[in-house]
Amino acid sequence: MKVQNPPALLSMVKVFAPAKINLSLHVTGQRNDGYHLLDSLVAFVDVGDQVTAEAAQHTSLTVEGPFAQGVPTDGSNLVVKAAEACGYPMALTLDKHLPPSSGIGGGSADAAAALRAAARLGGPLMGHDHALLLGADVPVCLASKSARMRGIGNDLVETPLPALHLVLVNPRVEVATPNVFKRLDRKDNAPMPDTLPEWPDSLAFVDWLGTQRNDLQEPAAKLAPEIAAVLVSLALSPDVLLTRMSGSGATCFAIYPDRATAQDAAAQISQSNPWWWVKAATTLP
């Protein structure tokens, strides 16, 4: 059956898909259906992919950019699934700058960008419950605001954070999330405090963040020893405040006092390890 497009608000839109950083990630349980329960503090940064969309009779996807190779363009891609889920056909172009399977929500961010693109073109904006059907990270990426994410991604509380200046490093190693969870010794770890403190500035926040964890960091590093090498490289950089892995890996991050220091660290790390993906980033408001 031919789908009749609603009147478009715009003829073409470009939507930024920012990388999602799990500043903390506590695995607190597992449901009977296999889904893991998480308690995670999530932030978004000014590094990411871009989705360009136009209304069309049928949904299509073209992928370009430095990480385009190997990205499927059929119905297995979350971007296509998102367009089909909201029932608004689009001709989509994904400019892929985030490495795949890297723990910074690239696929979920791209899917969320496709949902926002559909709404800007005149289609419906899917709610969080429907977005959750596409993946656990899609609802938080749909808002692209720092948040506390609990449960299976369904319990979101927007959580304003001080501005953070980071370096993101991926050793260009893909880590499969299910394999990381299989290596996890315990799945009933302690959550973050029920009530999060109010942080007067970024240094106070980093001090507090140092008391939290990413429970997937150790099992991921056992699967991919390159993660440990990245964390050591970040820890040895000048003026670093904190280092940690994001998500299920293999991307790691370090926090610095200011943007200039982060950029200097990124340049030094990139020069020493030219095969790594290295980016300086600042959290979005």
Protein backbone atom coordinates (compact mmCIF):
# COMPACT_ATOMS: atom_id res chain seq x y z
CA MET A 1 0.00 0.00 0.00
CA LYS A 2 1.33 3.39 -0.95
CA VAL A 3 1.99 5.65 2.04
CA GLN A 4 0.63 9.18 1.78
CA ASN A 5 3.10 11.63 3.28
CA PRO A 6 1.69 14.41 5.48
CA PRO A 7 2.52 17.98 4.46
CA ALA A 8 6.21 18.56 5.16
CA LEU A 9 7.32 21.43 7.35
CA LEU A 10 10.71 21.48 5.62
CA SER A 11 11.97 19.92 2.40
CA MET A 12 15.22 18.68 3.93
CA VAL A 13 16.67 18.57 7.45
CA LYS A 14 20.07 17.83 8.94
CA VAL A 15 20.09 16.44 12.47
CA PHE A 16 23.16 16.04 14.65
CA ALA A 17 23.52 12.68 16.43
CA PRO A 18 25.81 13.34 19.41
CA ALA A 19 27.89 10.64 21.04
CA LYS A 20 26.51 9.35 24.34
CA ILE A 21 29.01 8.98 27.18
CA ASN A 22 28.27 6.73 30.14
CA LEU A 23 30.06 8.68 32.86
CA SER A 24 29.07 5.91 35.26
CA LEU A 25 27.44 2.55 34.60
CA HIS A 26 26.31 0.32 37.45
CA VAL A 27 24.82 -3.07 36.56
CA THR A 28 22.21 -3.62 39.27
CA GLY A 29 20.31 -6.74 38.18
CA GLN A 30 18.95 -8.89 35.40
CA ARG A 31 15.32 -9.56 34.48
CA ASN A 32 13.90 -12.97 33.71
CA ASP A 33 13.80 -12.07 30.02
CA GLY A 34 17.56 -11.51 30.03
CA TYR A 35 17.58 -7.71 29.96
CA HIS A 36 20.11 -6.19 32.34
CA LEU A 37 19.13 -3.45 34.78
CA LEU A 38 21.40 -0.43 34.83
CA ASP A 39 21.93 2.76 36.79
CA SER A 40 23.94 5.12 34.63
CA LEU A 41 24.76 8.81 34.43
CA VAL A 42 24.79 9.80 30.76
CA ALA A 43 26.09 12.91 29.01
CA PHE A 44 26.23 13.97 25.36
CA VAL A 45 29.12 15.70 23.62
CA ASP A 46 29.81 17.86 20.58
CA VAL A 47 31.21 14.93 18.59
CA GLY A 48 28.90 12.68 16.61
CA ASP A 49 27.28 11.61 13.37
CA GLN A 50 24.84 13.53 11.18
CA VAL A 51 21.60 12.40 9.58
CA THR A 52 20.22 14.22 6.53
CA ALA A 53 16.61 13.44 5.61
CA GLU A 54 14.06 14.27 2.93
CA ALA A 55 10.47 13.09 2.68
CA ALA A 56 10.15 10.26 0.15
CA GLN A 57 7.77 7.62 -1.12
CA HIS A 58 9.97 4.86 0.28
CA THR A 59 12.62 4.81 2.97
CA SER A 60 16.21 4.51 1.76
CA LEU A 61 19.60 4.94 3.43
CA THR A 62 22.96 6.04 2.09
CA VAL A 63 26.00 5.92 4.37
CA GLU A 64 29.10 8.05 3.92
CA GLY A 65 31.91 9.38 6.11
CA PRO A 66 35.06 7.90 7.68
CA PHE A 67 33.26 4.93 9.26
CA ALA A 68 30.84 4.17 6.42
CA GLN A 69 32.51 0.91 5.40
CA GLY A 70 30.57 -2.12 6.54
CA VAL A 71 27.54 -0.20 7.79
CA PRO A 72 24.40 -1.91 6.43
CA THR A 73 21.87 0.18 4.52
CA ASP A 74 18.98 -2.29 4.66
CA GLY A 75 16.32 -2.90 7.29
CA SER A 76 18.87 -4.21 9.78
CA ASN A 77 20.17 -0.66 10.32
CA LEU A 78 18.60 1.13 13.30
CA VAL A 79 18.19 4.30 11.21
CA VAL A 80 15.97 2.44 8.74
CA LYS A 81 14.12 0.73 11.59
CA ALA A 82 13.46 4.13 13.18
CA ALA A 83 12.03 5.55 9.94
CA GLU A 84 9.82 2.51 9.51
CA ALA A 85 8.71 2.57 13.14
CA CYS A 86 7.39 6.12 12.92
CA GLY A 87 5.67 5.37 9.59
CA TYR A 88 7.21 8.30 7.76
CA PRO A 89 9.22 7.31 4.66
CA MET A 90 12.43 9.28 4.15
CA ALA A 91 15.49 9.35 1.94
CA LEU A 92 18.22 9.30 4.58
CA THR A 93 21.94 9.96 4.44
CA LEU A 94 24.07 9.01 7.42
CA ASP A 95 27.43 10.78 7.73
CA LYS A 96 29.22 8.29 9.98
CA HIS A 97 31.97 9.75 12.19
CA LEU A 98 31.63 7.57 15.31
CA PRO A 99 33.35 4.17 15.33
CA PRO A 100 30.99 1.17 15.37
CA SER A 101 30.34 -0.98 18.45
CA SER A 102 32.26 1.51 20.56
CA GLY A 103 30.15 2.09 23.68
CA ILE A 104 29.17 5.67 22.83
CA GLY A 105 25.70 5.02 21.44
CA GLY A 106 26.41 5.64 17.76
CA GLY A 107 23.64 3.45 16.34
CA SER A 108 21.12 4.57 18.95
CA ALA A 109 22.02 8.24 18.43
CA ASP A 110 21.58 7.81 14.67
CA ALA A 111 18.17 6.18 15.16
CA ALA A 112 17.09 8.98 17.50
CA ALA A 113 18.27 11.55 14.93
CA ALA A 114 16.12 9.84 12.29
CA LEU A 115 13.11 10.09 14.62
CA ARG A 116 13.75 13.80 15.19
CA ALA A 117 14.21 14.31 11.45
CA ALA A 118 10.83 12.72 10.73
CA ALA A 119 9.15 15.07 13.22
CA ARG A 120 10.82 18.14 11.71
CA LEU A 121 9.68 17.09 8.23
CA GLY A 122 6.08 16.83 9.38
CA GLY A 123 5.84 13.27 10.65
CA PRO A 124 5.01 12.09 14.17
CA LEU A 125 7.46 12.37 17.04
CA MET A 126 7.69 9.03 18.78
CA GLY A 127 7.53 8.96 22.56
CA HIS A 128 10.06 7.31 24.82
CA ASP A 129 8.03 4.09 25.17
CA HIS A 130 7.98 3.53 21.43
CA ALA A 131 11.62 4.58 21.07
CA LEU A 132 12.55 1.97 23.68
CA LEU A 133 11.36 -0.73 21.27
CA LEU A 134 14.25 0.24 18.98
CA GLY A 135 16.86 -0.16 21.73
CA ALA A 136 17.63 0.62 25.35
CA ASP A 137 19.70 3.72 24.52
CA VAL A 138 17.33 5.25 21.96
CA PRO A 139 15.05 7.07 24.46
CA VAL A 140 17.93 8.89 26.16
CA CYS A 141 19.46 9.70 22.77
CA LEU A 142 16.10 11.06 21.60
CA ALA A 143 16.35 13.79 24.23
CA SER A 144 20.17 14.11 23.97
CA LYS A 145 20.26 15.72 27.41
CA SER A 146 22.37 14.59 30.35
CA ALA A 147 20.30 12.19 32.41
CA ARG A 148 20.22 9.44 34.96
CA MET A 149 19.17 6.29 33.14
CA ARG A 150 17.82 3.36 35.12
CA GLY A 151 16.09 0.07 34.46
CA ILE A 152 16.48 -1.04 30.84
CA GLY A 153 16.62 2.55 29.61
CA ASN A 154 12.99 3.28 30.41
CA ASP A 155 13.51 5.29 33.62
CA LEU A 156 15.02 8.64 32.66
CA VAL A 157 15.54 11.70 34.85
CA GLU A 158 17.14 14.74 33.25
CA THR A 159 20.18 15.61 35.35
CA PRO A 160 21.98 18.89 34.62
CA LEU A 161 25.75 18.58 34.88
CA PRO A 162 28.60 21.10 34.95
CA ALA A 163 30.39 21.50 31.61
CA LEU A 164 33.00 18.79 31.12
CA HIS A 165 35.98 18.75 28.76
CA LEU A 166 36.99 15.30 27.62
CA VAL A 167 39.17 13.28 25.34
CA LEU A 168 37.53 10.24 23.74
CA VAL A 169 39.78 7.41 22.60
CA ASN A 170 38.82 4.23 20.76
CA PRO A 171 41.59 1.78 19.80
CA ARG A 172 39.52 0.78 16.74
CA VAL A 173 38.52 -2.48 18.38
CA GLU A 174 34.88 -3.54 18.29
CA VAL A 175 33.53 -5.08 21.49
CA ALA A 176 30.22 -6.98 21.39
CA THR A 177 28.03 -5.92 24.31
CA PRO A 178 26.56 -9.42 24.97
CA ASN A 179 30.07 -10.86 25.30
CA VAL A 180 30.99 -8.22 27.86
CA PHE A 181 27.93 -8.97 29.98
CA LYS A 182 28.79 -12.68 29.87
CA ARG A 183 32.14 -11.88 31.48
CA LEU A 184 30.56 -9.89 34.30
CA ASP A 185 31.12 -11.64 37.65
CA ARG A 186 28.15 -10.06 39.43
CA LYS A 187 24.94 -8.63 38.05
CA ASP A 188 23.50 -7.33 41.33
CA ASN A 189 25.93 -4.50 42.03
CA ALA A 190 25.09 -1.43 44.09
CA PRO A 191 23.36 1.45 42.28
CA MET A 192 24.31 5.09 42.52
CA PRO A 193 22.93 6.96 45.57
CA ASP A 194 19.15 7.38 45.54
CA THR A 195 19.57 11.15 45.58
CA LEU A 196 22.40 12.63 43.57
CA PRO A 197 24.24 15.61 45.07
CA GLU A 198 24.23 19.10 43.65
CA TRP A 199 27.63 19.88 42.16
CA PRO A 200 28.72 23.53 42.36
CA ASP A 201 31.33 23.10 39.62
CA SER A 202 33.04 20.55 37.39
CA LEU A 203 35.81 19.77 39.90
CA ALA A 204 33.25 18.88 42.58
CA PHE A 205 31.46 16.72 40.06
CA VAL A 206 34.64 14.90 39.03
CA ASP A 207 35.51 14.27 42.69
CA TRP A 208 32.10 12.66 43.15
CA LEU A 209 32.25 10.77 39.86
CA GLY A 210 35.49 9.16 41.00
CA THR A 211 33.48 7.33 43.69
CA GLN A 212 31.26 5.73 41.03
CA ARG A 213 32.03 2.90 38.57
CA ASN A 214 31.62 1.32 35.20
CA ASP A 215 30.96 -2.31 36.08
CA LEU A 216 31.62 -3.35 32.48
CA GLN A 217 35.11 -1.89 32.30
CA GLU A 218 36.98 -4.87 33.78
CA PRO A 219 35.20 -7.59 31.74
CA ALA A 220 35.56 -5.53 28.56
CA ALA A 221 39.28 -5.08 29.15
CA LYS A 222 39.64 -8.85 29.51
CA LEU A 223 38.05 -9.26 26.08
CA ALA A 224 40.03 -6.41 24.52
CA PRO A 225 43.38 -5.68 26.24
CA GLU A 226 43.66 -2.57 24.08
CA ILE A 227 41.18 -0.92 26.47
CA ALA A 228 43.74 -1.14 29.31
CA ALA A 229 46.37 0.41 27.03
CA VAL A 230 44.03 3.31 26.25
CA LEU A 231 43.26 3.91 29.92
CA VAL A 232 46.98 3.96 30.77
CA SER A 233 47.67 6.42 27.95
CA LEU A 234 44.90 8.72 29.17
CA ALA A 235 46.00 8.44 32.80
CA LEU A 236 49.54 9.52 31.87
CA SER A 237 48.39 12.67 30.04
CA PRO A 238 49.06 16.02 31.75
CA ASP A 239 46.44 17.47 34.13
CA VAL A 240 44.00 14.59 33.70
CA LEU A 241 41.29 14.51 36.36
CA LEU A 242 39.61 11.13 35.76
CA THR A 243 39.71 8.24 33.29
CA ARG A 244 37.06 5.59 32.59
CA MET A 245 35.52 3.45 29.88
CA SER A 246 32.15 4.38 28.38
CA GLY A 247 29.35 1.85 28.01
CA SER A 248 30.52 -1.64 27.13
CA GLY A 249 33.62 -0.28 25.36
CA ALA A 250 35.95 0.00 23.75
CA THR A 251 35.83 3.82 23.83
CA CYS A 252 37.37 5.36 26.94
CA PHE A 253 37.33 8.94 28.13
CA ALA A 254 39.34 11.28 30.31
CA ILE A 255 38.18 14.54 31.88
CA TYR A 256 40.38 17.66 31.95
CA PRO A 257 40.10 21.09 33.60
CA ASP A 258 39.43 22.97 30.34
CA ARG A 259 39.02 22.59 26.59
CA ALA A 260 42.57 23.68 25.73
CA THR A 261 44.09 21.05 28.02
CA ALA A 262 41.84 18.39 26.51
CA GLN A 263 42.83 19.41 22.99
CA ASP A 264 46.53 19.28 23.88
CA ALA A 265 46.10 15.83 25.40
CA ALA A 266 44.18 14.62 22.33
CA ALA A 267 46.95 15.87 20.04
CA GLN A 268 49.66 14.14 22.08
CA ILE A 269 47.79 10.84 22.32
CA SER A 270 46.92 10.89 18.63
CA GLN A 271 50.54 11.56 17.69
CA SER A 272 51.75 8.64 19.82
CA ASN A 273 48.99 6.30 18.63
CA PRO A 274 48.04 7.37 15.08
CA TRP A 275 45.91 4.25 14.54
CA TRP A 276 43.58 5.14 17.42
CA TRP A 277 40.43 7.26 17.05
CA VAL A 278 41.01 10.29 19.29
CA LYS A 279 38.72 13.30 19.74
CA ALA A 280 38.57 16.23 22.14
CA ALA A 281 34.98 16.92 23.19
CA THR A 282 32.85 19.10 25.41
CA THR A 283 29.53 18.08 26.94
CA LEU A 284 26.40 19.63 25.49
CA PRO A 285 24.19 21.80 27.73
